C-alpha atoms as a PDB file:
ATOM      1  CA  UNK A   1      92.075 355.868  72.848  1.00  0.00           C
ATOM      2  CA  UNK A   2      95.251 356.193  70.386  1.00  0.00           C
ATOM      3  CA  UNK A   3      95.008 359.377  67.922  1.00  0.00           C
ATOM      4  CA  UNK A   4      93.637 358.240  64.608  1.00  0.00           C
ATOM      5  CA  UNK A   5      95.822 360.611  62.737  1.00  0.00           C
ATOM      6  CA  UNK A   6      98.791 362.591  63.183  1.00  0.00           C
ATOM      7  CA  UNK A   7     100.990 365.363  61.702  1.00  0.00           C
ATOM      8  CA  UNK A   8     103.259 365.075  58.590  1.00  0.00           C
ATOM      9  CA  UNK A   9     105.974 362.273  58.705  1.00  0.00           C
ATOM     10  CA  UNK A  10     109.631 362.985  59.773  1.00  0.00           C
ATOM     11  CA  UNK A  11     108.582 366.196  61.851  1.00  0.00           C
ATOM     12  CA  UNK A  12     108.639 364.976  65.103  1.00  0.00           C
ATOM     13  CA  UNK A  13     109.267 361.853  67.261  1.00  0.00           C
ATOM     14  CA  UNK A  14     105.694 360.680  66.684  1.00  0.00           C
ATOM     15  CA  UNK A  15     106.035 360.536  62.852  1.00  0.00           C
ATOM     16  CA  UNK A  16     109.569 358.863  62.974  1.00  0.00           C
ATOM     17  CA  UNK A  17     108.283 356.441  65.316  1.00  0.00           C
ATOM     18  CA  UNK A  18     105.290 355.923  62.868  1.00  0.00           C
ATOM     19  CA  UNK A  19     107.654 354.919  59.685  1.00  0.00           C
ATOM     20  CA  UNK A  20     109.876 353.099  62.185  1.00  0.00           C
ATOM     21  CA  UNK A  21     107.263 351.031  63.733  1.00  0.00           C
ATOM     22  CA  UNK A  22     108.804 351.699  67.430  1.00  0.00           C
ATOM     23  CA  UNK A  23     105.941 351.404  70.040  1.00  0.00           C
ATOM     24  CA  UNK A  24     106.457 354.677  71.043  1.00  0.00           C
ATOM     25  CA  UNK A  25     102.829 354.867  73.167  1.00  0.00           C
ATOM     26  CA  UNK A  26     100.879 352.446  74.948  1.00  0.00           C
ATOM     27  CA  UNK A  27      98.149 351.346  77.376  1.00  0.00           C
ATOM     28  CA  UNK A  28      98.792 349.084  80.290  1.00  0.00           C
ATOM     29  CA  UNK A  29      95.363 347.886  81.353  1.00  0.00           C
ATOM     30  CA  UNK A  30      96.077 346.643  85.041  1.00  0.00           C
ATOM     31  CA  UNK A  31      92.911 345.534  85.985  1.00  0.00           C
ATOM     32  CA  UNK A  32      89.147 344.879  84.745  1.00  0.00           C
ATOM     33  CA  UNK A  33      88.201 345.459  88.515  1.00  0.00           C
ATOM     34  CA  UNK A  34      86.164 348.476  89.348  1.00  0.00           C
ATOM     35  CA  UNK A  35      84.398 349.859  92.354  1.00  0.00           C
ATOM     36  CA  UNK A  36      81.777 351.654  90.106  1.00  0.00           C
ATOM     37  CA  UNK A  37      79.228 350.492  87.866  1.00  0.00           C
ATOM     38  CA  UNK A  38      78.991 353.285  85.213  1.00  0.00           C
ATOM     39  CA  UNK A  39      76.522 353.159  82.675  1.00  0.00           C
ATOM     40  CA  UNK A  40      78.260 353.508  79.544  1.00  0.00           C
ATOM     41  CA  UNK A  41      81.258 351.088  80.757  1.00  0.00           C
ATOM     42  CA  UNK A  42      82.635 348.672  78.113  1.00  0.00           C
ATOM     43  CA  UNK A  43      84.200 346.345  80.595  1.00  0.00           C
ATOM     44  CA  UNK A  44      81.647 343.271  81.017  1.00  0.00           C
ATOM     45  CA  UNK A  45      83.189 341.764  84.356  1.00  0.00           C
ATOM     46  CA  UNK A  46      84.020 344.288  86.717  1.00  0.00           C
ATOM     47  CA  UNK A  47      84.958 342.181  89.721  1.00  0.00           C
ATOM     48  CA  UNK A  48      87.149 339.576  90.894  1.00  0.00           C
ATOM     49  CA  UNK A  49      89.182 339.290  87.921  1.00  0.00           C
ATOM     50  CA  UNK A  50      92.295 336.957  89.227  1.00  0.00           C
ATOM     51  CA  UNK A  51      94.045 336.687  85.900  1.00  0.00           C
ATOM     52  CA  UNK A  52      95.422 340.133  85.834  1.00  0.00           C
ATOM     53  CA  UNK A  53      99.335 340.489  85.612  1.00  0.00           C
ATOM     54  CA  UNK A  54     101.031 340.331  88.817  1.00  0.00           C
ATOM     55  CA  UNK A  55     103.194 343.256  90.299  1.00  0.00           C
ATOM     56  CA  UNK A  56     106.337 341.151  89.011  1.00  0.00           C
ATOM     57  CA  UNK A  57     104.833 340.280  85.194  1.00  0.00           C
ATOM     58  CA  UNK A  58     104.137 344.200  85.041  1.00  0.00           C
ATOM     59  CA  UNK A  59     107.350 345.457  85.912  1.00  0.00           C
ATOM     60  CA  UNK A  60     108.872 342.687  83.611  1.00  0.00           C
ATOM     61  CA  UNK A  61     106.379 344.089  80.742  1.00  0.00           C
ATOM     62  CA  UNK A  62     107.653 347.874  81.869  1.00  0.00           C
ATOM     63  CA  UNK A  63     111.583 346.607  81.211  1.00  0.00           C
ATOM     64  CA  UNK A  64     110.758 345.370  77.944  1.00  0.00           C
ATOM     65  CA  UNK A  65     108.890 348.300  76.915  1.00  0.00           C
ATOM     66  CA  UNK A  66     111.593 350.400  77.816  1.00  0.00           C
ATOM     67  CA  UNK A  67     114.184 348.225  75.727  1.00  0.00           C
ATOM     68  CA  UNK A  68     112.022 348.702  72.587  1.00  0.00           C
ATOM     69  CA  UNK A  69     111.948 352.308  72.613  1.00  0.00           C
ATOM     70  CA  UNK A  70     108.246 353.137  74.484  1.00  0.00           C
ATOM     71  CA  UNK A  71     108.312 356.574  75.978  1.00  0.00           C
ATOM     72  CA  UNK A  72     104.723 357.432  76.416  1.00  0.00           C
ATOM     73  CA  UNK A  73     102.755 355.312  79.039  1.00  0.00           C
ATOM     74  CA  UNK A  74      99.511 355.221  80.242  1.00  0.00           C
ATOM     75  CA  UNK A  75      97.907 352.833  83.295  1.00  0.00           C
ATOM     76  CA  UNK A  76      94.290 352.408  83.051  1.00  0.00           C
ATOM     77  CA  UNK A  77      91.742 350.098  84.163  1.00  0.00           C
ATOM     78  CA  UNK A  78      89.132 349.012  85.550  1.00  0.00           C
ATOM     79  CA  UNK A  79      90.009 351.210  88.505  1.00  0.00           C
ATOM     80  CA  UNK A  80      94.090 351.067  88.838  1.00  0.00           C
ATOM     81  CA  UNK A  81      93.710 352.133  92.641  1.00  0.00           C
ATOM     82  CA  UNK A  82      91.840 348.708  93.249  1.00  0.00           C
ATOM     83  CA  UNK A  83      95.641 347.290  93.061  1.00  0.00           C
ATOM     84  CA  UNK A  84      97.488 347.507  95.997  1.00  0.00           C
ATOM     85  CA  UNK A  85     100.637 347.933  94.196  1.00  0.00           C
ATOM     86  CA  UNK A  86      99.894 350.675  91.934  1.00  0.00           C
ATOM     87  CA  UNK A  87     102.243 353.312  93.500  1.00  0.00           C
ATOM     88  CA  UNK A  88     104.788 350.332  93.343  1.00  0.00           C
ATOM     89  CA  UNK A  89     104.273 350.112  89.475  1.00  0.00           C
ATOM     90  CA  UNK A  90     103.872 353.958  89.221  1.00  0.00           C
ATOM     91  CA  UNK A  91     107.211 354.328  90.868  1.00  0.00           C
ATOM     92  CA  UNK A  92     108.993 351.635  88.682  1.00  0.00           C
ATOM     93  CA  UNK A  93     107.717 353.213  85.605  1.00  0.00           C
ATOM     94  CA  UNK A  94     109.050 356.196  86.330  1.00  0.00           C
ATOM     95  CA  UNK A  95     112.503 354.969  86.939  1.00  0.00           C
ATOM     96  CA  UNK A  96     112.519 353.505  83.819  1.00  0.00           C
ATOM     97  CA  UNK A  97     111.790 357.383  82.496  1.00  0.00           C
ATOM     98  CA  UNK A  98     108.531 356.775  80.950  1.00  0.00           C
ATOM     99  CA  UNK A  99     106.274 359.998  80.395  1.00  0.00           C
ATOM    100  CA  UNK A 100     103.638 358.674  82.737  1.00  0.00           C
ATOM    101  CA  UNK A 101      99.715 359.201  82.752  1.00  0.00           C
ATOM    102  CA  UNK A 102      97.134 357.558  85.170  1.00  0.00           C
ATOM    103  CA  UNK A 103      93.616 357.020  84.160  1.00  0.00           C
ATOM    104  CA  UNK A 104      91.106 356.797  87.448  1.00  0.00           C
ATOM    105  CA  UNK A 105      88.069 357.686  88.847  1.00  0.00           C
ATOM    106  CA  UNK A 106      89.699 359.116  91.858  1.00  0.00           C
ATOM    107  CA  UNK A 107      87.352 357.871  94.403  1.00  0.00           C
ATOM    108  CA  UNK A 108      89.982 355.624  96.066  1.00  0.00           C
ATOM    109  CA  UNK A 109      93.132 357.450  96.163  1.00  0.00           C
ATOM    110  CA  UNK A 110      94.349 358.587  99.738  1.00  0.00           C
ATOM    111  CA  UNK A 111      96.216 361.594 100.800  1.00  0.00           C
ATOM    112  CA  UNK A 112      99.393 359.499 101.077  1.00  0.00           C
ATOM    113  CA  UNK A 113      99.149 358.385  97.442  1.00  0.00           C
ATOM    114  CA  UNK A 114      98.811 361.909  96.130  1.00  0.00           C
ATOM    115  CA  UNK A 115     101.574 362.912  98.176  1.00  0.00           C
ATOM    116  CA  UNK A 116     103.769 359.690  96.526  1.00  0.00           C
ATOM    117  CA  UNK A 117     102.455 360.412  93.227  1.00  0.00           C
ATOM    118  CA  UNK A 118     103.398 364.433  93.432  1.00  0.00           C
ATOM    119  CA  UNK A 119     106.870 362.704  94.405  1.00  0.00           C
ATOM    120  CA  UNK A 120     107.180 360.776  90.751  1.00  0.00           C
ATOM    121  CA  UNK A 121     106.688 364.145  88.825  1.00  0.00           C
ATOM    122  CA  UNK A 122     104.056 362.246  86.552  1.00  0.00           C
ATOM    123  CA  UNK A 123     102.393 363.835  83.957  1.00  0.00           C
ATOM    124  CA  UNK A 124      98.921 363.918  84.502  1.00  0.00           C
ATOM    125  CA  UNK A 125      96.261 362.256  86.486  1.00  0.00           C
ATOM    126  CA  UNK A 126      93.454 361.807  83.938  1.00  0.00           C
ATOM    127  CA  UNK A 127      90.110 361.664  86.237  1.00  0.00           C
ATOM    128  CA  UNK A 128      86.651 360.678  84.937  1.00  0.00           C
ATOM    129  CA  UNK A 129      84.280 363.190  85.991  1.00  0.00           C
ATOM    130  CA  UNK A 130      80.373 363.043  84.349  1.00  0.00           C
ATOM    131  CA  UNK A 131      78.987 366.407  85.036  1.00  0.00           C
ATOM    132  CA  UNK A 132      77.241 367.913  88.407  1.00  0.00           C
ATOM    133  CA  UNK A 133      76.827 365.802  91.383  1.00  0.00           C
ATOM    134  CA  UNK A 134      73.085 364.508  90.873  1.00  0.00           C
ATOM    135  CA  UNK A 135      74.209 363.531  87.197  1.00  0.00           C
ATOM    136  CA  UNK A 136      78.025 361.913  88.286  1.00  0.00           C
ATOM    137  CA  UNK A 137      76.544 359.692  90.763  1.00  0.00           C
ATOM    138  CA  UNK A 138      73.445 358.622  88.841  1.00  0.00           C
ATOM    139  CA  UNK A 139      76.014 357.471  85.849  1.00  0.00           C
ATOM    140  CA  UNK A 140      78.431 355.851  88.096  1.00  0.00           C
ATOM    141  CA  UNK A 141      76.031 354.347  90.622  1.00  0.00           C
ATOM    142  CA  UNK A 142      77.604 355.003  93.782  1.00  0.00           C
ATOM    143  CA  UNK A 143      76.348 357.763  95.669  1.00  0.00           C
ATOM    144  CA  UNK A 144      79.055 360.520  97.097  1.00  0.00           C
ATOM    145  CA  UNK A 145      81.069 359.556  93.788  1.00  0.00           C
ATOM    146  CA  UNK A 146      81.304 363.109  92.968  1.00  0.00           C
ATOM    147  CA  UNK A 147      82.470 364.720  95.731  1.00  0.00           C
ATOM    148  CA  UNK A 148      85.231 361.993  96.410  1.00  0.00           C
ATOM    149  CA  UNK A 149      86.276 362.390  92.591  1.00  0.00           C
ATOM    150  CA  UNK A 150      86.117 366.519  92.917  1.00  0.00           C
ATOM    151  CA  UNK A 151      88.208 366.306  96.248  1.00  0.00           C
ATOM    152  CA  UNK A 152      91.119 363.945  95.035  1.00  0.00           C
ATOM    153  CA  UNK A 153      91.061 366.280  91.607  1.00  0.00           C
ATOM    154  CA  UNK A 154      91.640 369.277  93.804  1.00  0.00           C
ATOM    155  CA  UNK A 155      94.228 367.625  96.144  1.00  0.00           C
ATOM    156  CA  UNK A 156      96.140 366.478  93.424  1.00  0.00           C
ATOM    157  CA  UNK A 157      96.642 369.745  91.850  1.00  0.00           C
ATOM    158  CA  UNK A 158      97.401 371.205  95.391  1.00  0.00           C
ATOM    159  CA  UNK A 159     100.356 369.084  95.621  1.00  0.00           C
ATOM    160  CA  UNK A 160     101.374 370.042  91.956  1.00  0.00           C
ATOM    161  CA  UNK A 161      99.977 367.305  89.792  1.00  0.00           C
ATOM    162  CA  UNK A 162      98.762 367.877  86.412  1.00  0.00           C
ATOM    163  CA  UNK A 163      94.729 366.854  86.400  1.00  0.00           C
ATOM    164  CA  UNK A 164      92.600 366.473  83.405  1.00  0.00           C
ATOM    165  CA  UNK A 165      88.843 365.851  83.821  1.00  0.00           C
ATOM    166  CA  UNK A 166      87.153 363.931  80.983  1.00  0.00           C
ATOM    167  CA  UNK A 167      83.941 362.803  80.304  1.00  0.00           C
ATOM    168  CA  UNK A 168      82.330 361.303  77.568  1.00  0.00           C
ATOM    169  CA  UNK A 169      79.392 363.147  76.391  1.00  0.00           C
ATOM    170  CA  UNK A 170      76.276 361.390  76.687  1.00  0.00           C
ATOM    171  CA  UNK A 171      72.245 361.664  76.839  1.00  0.00           C
ATOM    172  CA  UNK A 172      72.683 361.637  80.358  1.00  0.00           C
ATOM    173  CA  UNK A 173      75.276 364.425  80.671  1.00  0.00           C
ATOM    174  CA  UNK A 174      75.558 366.612  78.004  1.00  0.00           C
ATOM    175  CA  UNK A 175      73.714 369.177  79.165  1.00  0.00           C
ATOM    176  CA  UNK A 176      76.351 369.405  81.949  1.00  0.00           C
ATOM    177  CA  UNK A 177      79.046 370.261  79.489  1.00  0.00           C
ATOM    178  CA  UNK A 178      79.178 374.293  80.423  1.00  0.00           C
ATOM    179  CA  UNK A 179      79.175 373.167  83.897  1.00  0.00           C
ATOM    180  CA  UNK A 180      82.090 370.772  83.593  1.00  0.00           C
ATOM    181  CA  UNK A 181      83.899 373.111  81.292  1.00  0.00           C
ATOM    182  CA  UNK A 182      83.526 376.335  84.019  1.00  0.00           C
ATOM    183  CA  UNK A 183      84.467 373.406  86.996  1.00  0.00           C
ATOM    184  CA  UNK A 184      87.783 372.589  85.222  1.00  0.00           C
ATOM    185  CA  UNK A 185      88.886 376.129  84.410  1.00  0.00           C
ATOM    186  CA  UNK A 186      88.064 376.991  88.061  1.00  0.00           C
ATOM    187  CA  UNK A 187      89.912 374.299  89.934  1.00  0.00           C
ATOM    188  CA  UNK A 188      92.897 374.821  87.249  1.00  0.00           C
ATOM    189  CA  UNK A 189      92.637 371.769  85.549  1.00  0.00           C
ATOM    190  CA  UNK A 190      92.185 370.577  81.783  1.00  0.00           C
ATOM    191  CA  UNK A 191      89.013 369.276  80.261  1.00  0.00           C
ATOM    192  CA  UNK A 192      88.565 366.333  77.417  1.00  0.00           C
ATOM    193  CA  UNK A 193      85.223 365.480  76.227  1.00  0.00           C
ATOM    194  CA  UNK A 194      84.702 362.613  73.494  1.00  0.00           C
ATOM    195  CA  UNK A 195      80.875 361.713  72.096  1.00  0.00           C
ATOM    196  CA  UNK A 196      82.060 358.498  71.712  1.00  0.00           C
ATOM    197  CA  UNK A 197      80.313 355.295  73.546  1.00  0.00           C
ATOM    198  CA  UNK A 198      81.773 351.836  72.241  1.00  0.00           C
ATOM    199  CA  UNK A 199      80.159 348.444  72.288  1.00  0.00           C
ATOM    200  CA  UNK A 200      80.940 346.442  75.406  1.00  0.00           C
ATOM    201  CA  UNK A 201      83.886 344.273  74.989  1.00  0.00           C
ATOM    202  CA  UNK A 202      81.576 341.216  74.511  1.00  0.00           C
ATOM    203  CA  UNK A 203      80.130 342.681  71.465  1.00  0.00           C
ATOM    204  CA  UNK A 204      77.007 343.883  73.143  1.00  0.00           C
ATOM    205  CA  UNK A 205      75.598 347.132  71.578  1.00  0.00           C
ATOM    206  CA  UNK A 206      73.044 347.952  74.770  1.00  0.00           C
ATOM    207  CA  UNK A 207      74.937 350.378  76.176  1.00  0.00           C
ATOM    208  CA  UNK A 208      75.278 352.745  72.572  1.00  0.00           C
ATOM    209  CA  UNK A 209      71.390 353.498  73.730  1.00  0.00           C
ATOM    210  CA  UNK A 210      73.480 356.393  76.060  1.00  0.00           C
ATOM    211  CA  UNK A 211      74.912 358.271  73.291  1.00  0.00           C
ATOM    212  CA  UNK A 212      73.830 361.658  72.784  1.00  0.00           C
ATOM    213  CA  UNK A 213      71.764 362.321  69.915  1.00  0.00           C
ATOM    214  CA  UNK A 214      72.419 364.592  67.304  1.00  0.00           C
ATOM    215  CA  UNK A 215      70.735 367.650  68.156  1.00  0.00           C
ATOM    216  CA  UNK A 216      72.429 367.420  71.794  1.00  0.00           C
ATOM    217  CA  UNK A 217      76.171 367.481  69.956  1.00  0.00           C
ATOM    218  CA  UNK A 218      75.288 370.231  67.381  1.00  0.00           C
ATOM    219  CA  UNK A 219      74.926 372.641  70.598  1.00  0.00           C
ATOM    220  CA  UNK A 220      78.124 371.628  71.837  1.00  0.00           C
ATOM    221  CA  UNK A 221      80.209 371.768  68.538  1.00  0.00           C
ATOM    222  CA  UNK A 222      80.117 374.706  66.496  1.00  0.00           C
ATOM    223  CA  UNK A 223      79.298 374.282  62.997  1.00  0.00           C
ATOM    224  CA  UNK A 224      81.896 374.759  60.243  1.00  0.00           C
ATOM    225  CA  UNK A 225      84.519 375.396  62.887  1.00  0.00           C
ATOM    226  CA  UNK A 226      86.224 371.961  62.572  1.00  0.00           C
ATOM    227  CA  UNK A 227      89.523 372.366  60.302  1.00  0.00           C
ATOM    228  CA  UNK A 228      90.882 369.214  58.217  1.00  0.00           C
ATOM    229  CA  UNK A 229      92.757 366.724  60.391  1.00  0.00           C
ATOM    230  CA  UNK A 230      96.480 366.806  59.397  1.00  0.00           C
ATOM    231  CA  UNK A 231      96.975 363.160  58.514  1.00  0.00           C
ATOM    232  CA  UNK A 232     100.138 360.908  57.971  1.00  0.00           C
ATOM    233  CA  UNK A 233     101.362 361.668  54.631  1.00  0.00           C
ATOM    234  CA  UNK A 234     101.530 357.982  54.048  1.00  0.00           C
ATOM    235  CA  UNK A 235      98.831 355.723  52.272  1.00  0.00           C
ATOM    236  CA  UNK A 236      98.849 353.533  55.547  1.00  0.00           C
ATOM    237  CA  UNK A 237      95.364 353.092  57.229  1.00  0.00           C
ATOM    238  CA  UNK A 238      95.724 356.055  58.981  1.00  0.00           C
ATOM    239  CA  UNK A 239      95.733 354.713  62.533  1.00  0.00           C
ATOM    240  CA  UNK A 240      98.429 354.487  64.659  1.00  0.00           C
ATOM    241  CA  UNK A 241      97.551 351.097  66.225  1.00  0.00           C
ATOM    242  CA  UNK A 242     100.098 348.823  65.542  1.00  0.00           C
ATOM    243  CA  UNK A 243     102.591 351.357  64.151  1.00  0.00           C
ATOM    244  CA  UNK A 244     103.652 353.246  67.205  1.00  0.00           C
ATOM    245  CA  UNK A 245     100.958 352.526  69.736  1.00  0.00           C
ATOM    246  CA  UNK A 246     100.056 349.212  71.656  1.00  0.00           C
ATOM    247  CA  UNK A 247      97.828 348.032  74.343  1.00  0.00           C
ATOM    248  CA  UNK A 248      98.153 345.478  77.065  1.00  0.00           C
ATOM    249  CA  UNK A 249      95.412 344.055  78.879  1.00  0.00           C
ATOM    250  CA  UNK A 250      94.975 342.989  82.183  1.00  0.00           C
ATOM    251  CA  UNK A 251      95.455 339.481  81.336  1.00  0.00           C
ATOM    252  CA  UNK A 252      98.945 340.031  79.345  1.00  0.00           C
ATOM    253  CA  UNK A 253      97.324 340.038  75.810  1.00  0.00           C
ATOM    254  CA  UNK A 254      98.985 342.372  73.483  1.00  0.00           C
ATOM    255  CA  UNK A 255      96.763 344.052  71.156  1.00  0.00           C
ATOM    256  CA  UNK A 256      97.139 346.871  68.653  1.00  0.00           C
ATOM    257  CA  UNK A 257      94.826 348.991  70.859  1.00  0.00           C
ATOM    258  CA  UNK A 258      92.164 348.396  73.428  1.00  0.00           C
ATOM    259  CA  UNK A 259      89.842 349.068  71.252  1.00  0.00           C
ATOM    260  CA  UNK A 260      90.900 347.130  68.223  1.00  0.00           C
ATOM    261  CA  UNK A 261      90.578 343.604  69.873  1.00  0.00           C
ATOM    262  CA  UNK A 262      93.188 341.855  67.473  1.00  0.00           C
ATOM    263  CA  UNK A 263      95.114 339.437  69.851  1.00  0.00           C
ATOM    264  CA  UNK A 264      98.811 339.370  68.827  1.00  0.00           C
ATOM    265  CA  UNK A 265     100.123 337.170  71.681  1.00  0.00           C
ATOM    266  CA  UNK A 266     100.641 337.290  75.494  1.00  0.00           C
ATOM    267  CA  UNK A 267     103.316 338.589  77.876  1.00  0.00           C
ATOM    268  CA  UNK A 268     103.148 335.775  79.992  1.00  0.00           C
ATOM    269  CA  UNK A 269     104.622 333.544  77.459  1.00  0.00           C
ATOM    270  CA  UNK A 270     106.214 335.671  74.763  1.00  0.00           C
ATOM    271  CA  UNK A 271     108.395 338.491  74.802  1.00  0.00           C
ATOM    272  CA  UNK A 272     107.103 342.137  73.592  1.00  0.00           C
ATOM    273  CA  UNK A 273     110.132 342.200  71.290  1.00  0.00           C
ATOM    274  CA  UNK A 274     109.321 339.186  69.698  1.00  0.00           C
ATOM    275  CA  UNK A 275     105.159 339.877  69.136  1.00  0.00           C
ATOM    276  CA  UNK A 276     105.654 343.451  68.212  1.00  0.00           C
ATOM    277  CA  UNK A 277     108.529 342.648  65.535  1.00  0.00           C
ATOM    278  CA  UNK A 278     107.252 339.428  64.459  1.00  0.00           C
ATOM    279  CA  UNK A 279     103.218 338.772  64.735  1.00  0.00           C
ATOM    280  CA  UNK A 280     101.745 337.808  61.475  1.00  0.00           C
ATOM    281  CA  UNK A 281      98.682 339.573  62.810  1.00  0.00           C
ATOM    282  CA  UNK A 282     100.434 342.951  62.875  1.00  0.00           C
ATOM    283  CA  UNK A 283     102.815 343.016  59.928  1.00  0.00           C
ATOM    284  CA  UNK A 284      99.514 342.450  57.924  1.00  0.00           C
ATOM    285  CA  UNK A 285      97.787 345.125  59.735  1.00  0.00           C
ATOM    286  CA  UNK A 286     100.701 347.342  58.713  1.00  0.00           C
ATOM    287  CA  UNK A 287     100.766 346.659  55.328  1.00  0.00           C
ATOM    288  CA  UNK A 288      97.069 347.685  54.857  1.00  0.00           C
ATOM    289  CA  UNK A 289      96.687 350.784  52.753  1.00  0.00           C
ATOM    290  CA  UNK A 290      94.241 353.623  52.740  1.00  0.00           C
ATOM    291  CA  UNK A 291      92.653 351.837  49.306  1.00  0.00           C
ATOM    292  CA  UNK A 292      91.906 348.763  51.989  1.00  0.00           C
ATOM    293  CA  UNK A 293      88.829 351.032  52.917  1.00  0.00           C
ATOM    294  CA  UNK A 294      87.426 351.628  49.402  1.00  0.00           C
ATOM    295  CA  UNK A 295      84.396 353.543  50.469  1.00  0.00           C
ATOM    296  CA  UNK A 296      86.291 355.527  53.026  1.00  0.00           C
ATOM    297  CA  UNK A 297      89.321 356.473  50.608  1.00  0.00           C
ATOM    298  CA  UNK A 298      87.392 358.889  47.876  1.00  0.00           C
ATOM    299  CA  UNK A 299      84.835 360.504  50.648  1.00  0.00           C
ATOM    300  CA  UNK A 300      84.809 364.171  50.721  1.00  0.00           C
ATOM    301  CA  UNK A 301      84.730 364.216  54.488  1.00  0.00           C
ATOM    302  CA  UNK A 302      88.131 362.405  54.552  1.00  0.00           C
ATOM    303  CA  UNK A 303      89.885 365.216  55.498  1.00  0.00           C
ATOM    304  CA  UNK A 304      88.053 365.701  58.795  1.00  0.00           C
ATOM    305  CA  UNK A 305      87.473 362.017  59.664  1.00  0.00           C
ATOM    306  CA  UNK A 306      88.724 360.261  63.022  1.00  0.00           C
ATOM    307  CA  UNK A 307      87.570 356.684  61.705  1.00  0.00           C
ATOM    308  CA  UNK A 308      88.639 354.009  64.002  1.00  0.00           C
ATOM    309  CA  UNK A 309      89.255 350.630  62.614  1.00  0.00           C
ATOM    310  CA  UNK A 310      88.227 349.189  65.813  1.00  0.00           C
ATOM    311  CA  UNK A 311      85.191 350.732  66.097  1.00  0.00           C
ATOM    312  CA  UNK A 312      84.649 349.808  62.499  1.00  0.00           C
ATOM    313  CA  UNK A 313      85.033 346.351  63.209  1.00  0.00           C
ATOM    314  CA  UNK A 314      83.069 345.769  66.828  1.00  0.00           C
ATOM    315  CA  UNK A 315      80.155 348.399  65.742  1.00  0.00           C
ATOM    316  CA  UNK A 316      79.868 347.921  62.169  1.00  0.00           C
ATOM    317  CA  UNK A 317      81.408 344.580  61.971  1.00  0.00           C
ATOM    318  CA  UNK A 318      83.983 345.575  59.140  1.00  0.00           C
ATOM    319  CA  UNK A 319      87.421 347.312  60.087  1.00  0.00           C
ATOM    320  CA  UNK A 320      87.889 347.714  56.478  1.00  0.00           C
ATOM    321  CA  UNK A 321      84.270 349.358  56.233  1.00  0.00           C
ATOM    322  CA  UNK A 322      83.106 353.105  57.196  1.00  0.00           C
ATOM    323  CA  UNK A 323      82.496 353.701  60.857  1.00  0.00           C
ATOM    324  CA  UNK A 324      78.876 354.887  61.258  1.00  0.00           C
ATOM    325  CA  UNK A 325      79.877 356.566  64.329  1.00  0.00           C
ATOM    326  CA  UNK A 326      82.662 358.760  62.687  1.00  0.00           C
ATOM    327  CA  UNK A 327      80.592 359.441  59.552  1.00  0.00           C
ATOM    328  CA  UNK A 328      77.743 360.793  62.042  1.00  0.00           C
ATOM    329  CA  UNK A 329      80.588 362.744  63.906  1.00  0.00           C
ATOM    330  CA  UNK A 330      82.347 364.104  61.186  1.00  0.00           C
ATOM    331  CA  UNK A 331      78.831 365.569  59.469  1.00  0.00           C
ATOM    332  CA  UNK A 332      77.682 367.278  62.911  1.00  0.00           C
ATOM    333  CA  UNK A 333      81.391 368.794  63.666  1.00  0.00           C
ATOM    334  CA  UNK A 334      81.711 370.341  60.261  1.00  0.00           C
ATOM    335  CA  UNK A 335      77.905 371.550  59.859  1.00  0.00           C
ATOM    336  CA  UNK A 336      77.367 369.435  56.919  1.00  0.00           C
ATOM    337  CA  UNK A 337      75.123 366.970  58.721  1.00  0.00           C
ATOM    338  CA  UNK A 338      71.362 367.009  57.538  1.00  0.00           C
ATOM    339  CA  UNK A 339      69.139 366.486  60.411  1.00  0.00           C
END
């Protein structure tokens, strides 16, 4: 998920690239295939997706991204280690000097691949871990996945590869938050948590039933402890998608973000440069101002909010309207939520 806000423009590379519309950061989805069946997964079809980009097409894309100024790259799935060319792709990305991160469930990484990743000096492997063994295996649908995941995390760390454990906080695992926090500290990994569960890519909201309720989240987020987010000092729509952030899905579709399903073009028959610079949809998105979201622009919670236009669109039907999950979370996190 791209950051919804960032620091004051002109203070660092992120803000310079935001203003210059340089695609500094991006996510490339290598596959939708996955060996797990996580209850909250937004991907509808996780097996036998044969339209995904070939090795040659991925490399061509990476060369184009490097030419356009991309520095920060995430490779995600599905499960990227289902691709037999994953190390080849990672190696090629590092030759192009990308700051590289990999998102994985870590159940398929071999010892040899761990050694290869260590030699590439990648920035991090971010591993989905949902809680204690029983909790994790129940959520993934695969007995033994917790032990495989944790073993891989420890082995990566042993070889000097930075590891981030990450989890969405859900009804089924929110009670394991303290366990995850202690586990991450114990093994030397960082921990990332997010209370957001997104609708499925086909628009279905059935998986939203897994969201933690207000009382569950209030135990995690201390009231009155969250500071206002420091936003871009511009009148834009306060989202980096399409400004200095992009995504490419497994079929080659270029998107502002994987959570903002506006297809701008496809790298199989268009260059990334032509789409990024000339897409009418993208240029329209970049022209949006804060007053396009009228109900949000005067909200007293706006300084604290991390509203996502993609979630506002997929969950609430209007990218220019309020995001119900953002409204709910900001009140919980600031202590202004009333039960």
